[in-house]
Amino acid sequence: MAKTKKTPFYNIKLILQEVYYSGLIKAESYVVQLARDGKANEKSLQLAYHRALAHRMNVVADATWALLGFAIAGIGIHGLVTIADKNNSSHY
């Protein structure tokens, strides 16, 4: 079995999985549990399904904001490095 290389972002990935995906997994498993029981009526199944769907959309939205935040931070760091390079280079 291949050993997973831990990158600097590995802990962030674990935190995001714990925070966002654990709730989504609970919501999805609740829908499956209701469907398998056979005791739930149509209204409770629809409510559970839409609750899980709303949670799924929140996970996607939060991941999108995280991606945009990392992109903006990367652009900012690139700008700082570029400015530092221009100031340190000597063009006589």
Protein backbone atom coordinates (compact mmCIF):
# COMPACT_ATOMS: atom_id res chain seq x y z
CA MET A 1 0.00 0.00 0.00
CA ALA A 2 1.44 3.38 -1.01
CA LYS A 3 2.19 5.82 1.76
CA THR A 4 0.47 9.21 1.39
CA LYS A 5 2.88 12.13 1.31
CA LYS A 6 1.78 14.80 3.75
CA THR A 7 1.93 18.24 2.17
CA PRO A 8 1.78 21.52 4.12
CA PHE A 9 -1.92 21.72 3.28
CA TYR A 10 -2.66 18.21 4.58
CA ASN A 11 -3.90 19.45 7.98
CA ILE A 12 -6.13 22.05 6.32
CA LYS A 13 -7.61 19.30 4.16
CA LEU A 14 -8.36 17.19 7.24
CA ILE A 15 -10.01 20.12 9.00
CA LEU A 16 -12.17 20.91 5.97
CA GLN A 17 -13.21 17.29 5.67
CA GLU A 18 -14.10 17.11 9.35
CA VAL A 19 -16.10 20.34 9.36
CA TYR A 20 -17.92 20.19 6.03
CA TYR A 21 -18.15 16.59 4.93
CA SER A 22 -19.10 15.04 8.26
CA GLY A 23 -22.39 16.98 8.32
CA LEU A 24 -23.09 16.11 4.71
CA ILE A 25 -22.45 12.43 5.37
CA LYS A 26 -24.83 12.53 8.36
CA ALA A 27 -27.54 14.19 6.28
CA GLU A 28 -27.16 11.71 3.42
CA SER A 29 -27.14 8.70 5.74
CA TYR A 30 -30.30 9.98 7.44
CA VAL A 31 -32.07 10.07 4.07
CA VAL A 32 -30.94 6.51 3.34
CA GLN A 33 -32.06 5.39 6.81
CA LEU A 34 -35.51 6.89 6.33
CA ALA A 35 -35.88 5.30 2.91
CA ARG A 36 -34.83 1.86 4.16
CA ASP A 37 -37.09 1.95 7.23
CA GLY A 38 -40.22 2.16 5.14
CA LYS A 39 -42.05 3.85 8.03
CA ALA A 40 -41.42 7.40 6.82
CA ASN A 41 -44.05 9.21 4.83
CA GLU A 42 -43.42 11.18 1.64
CA LYS A 43 -43.26 14.53 3.42
CA SER A 44 -40.52 13.48 5.84
CA LEU A 45 -38.52 11.89 3.01
CA GLN A 46 -38.77 15.08 0.93
CA LEU A 47 -37.77 17.23 3.91
CA ALA A 48 -34.74 15.06 4.68
CA TYR A 49 -33.72 14.99 1.01
CA HIS A 50 -33.95 18.76 0.62
CA ARG A 51 -32.07 19.30 3.87
CA ALA A 52 -29.25 17.10 2.54
CA LEU A 53 -29.36 18.91 -0.80
CA ALA A 54 -29.08 22.29 0.93
CA HIS A 55 -26.13 21.00 2.92
CA ARG A 56 -24.49 19.77 -0.29
CA MET A 57 -24.85 23.23 -1.86
CA ASN A 58 -23.31 24.83 1.24
CA VAL A 59 -20.31 22.51 0.99
CA VAL A 60 -19.80 23.48 -2.65
CA ALA A 61 -20.16 27.19 -1.86
CA ASP A 62 -17.68 27.01 1.03
CA ALA A 63 -15.18 25.11 -1.10
CA THR A 64 -15.55 27.73 -3.84
CA TRP A 65 -14.85 30.54 -1.36
CA ALA A 66 -11.82 28.67 -0.05
CA LEU A 67 -10.50 28.22 -3.59
CA LEU A 68 -11.04 31.91 -4.37
CA GLY A 69 -9.35 32.89 -1.12
CA PHE A 70 -6.29 30.79 -1.91
CA ALA A 71 -6.17 32.23 -5.43
CA ILE A 72 -6.33 35.82 -4.12
CA ALA A 73 -3.66 35.05 -1.52
CA GLY A 74 -1.45 33.51 -4.22
CA ILE A 75 -1.85 36.56 -6.45
CA GLY A 76 -1.01 38.82 -3.52
CA ILE A 77 2.11 36.84 -2.61
CA HIS A 78 3.17 36.83 -6.26
CA GLY A 79 2.73 40.62 -6.38
CA LEU A 80 4.83 41.11 -3.25
CA VAL A 81 7.62 38.92 -4.60
CA THR A 82 7.54 40.67 -7.98
CA ILE A 83 7.76 44.12 -6.35
CA ALA A 84 10.64 42.94 -4.16
CA ASP A 85 12.48 41.59 -7.21
CA LYS A 86 12.06 44.88 -9.08
CA ASN A 87 13.35 46.90 -6.12
CA ASN A 88 16.37 44.64 -5.55
CA SER A 89 17.48 44.42 -9.18
CA SER A 90 19.90 47.04 -10.41
CA HIS A 91 19.14 48.52 -13.82
CA TYR A 92 21.82 51.18 -14.44
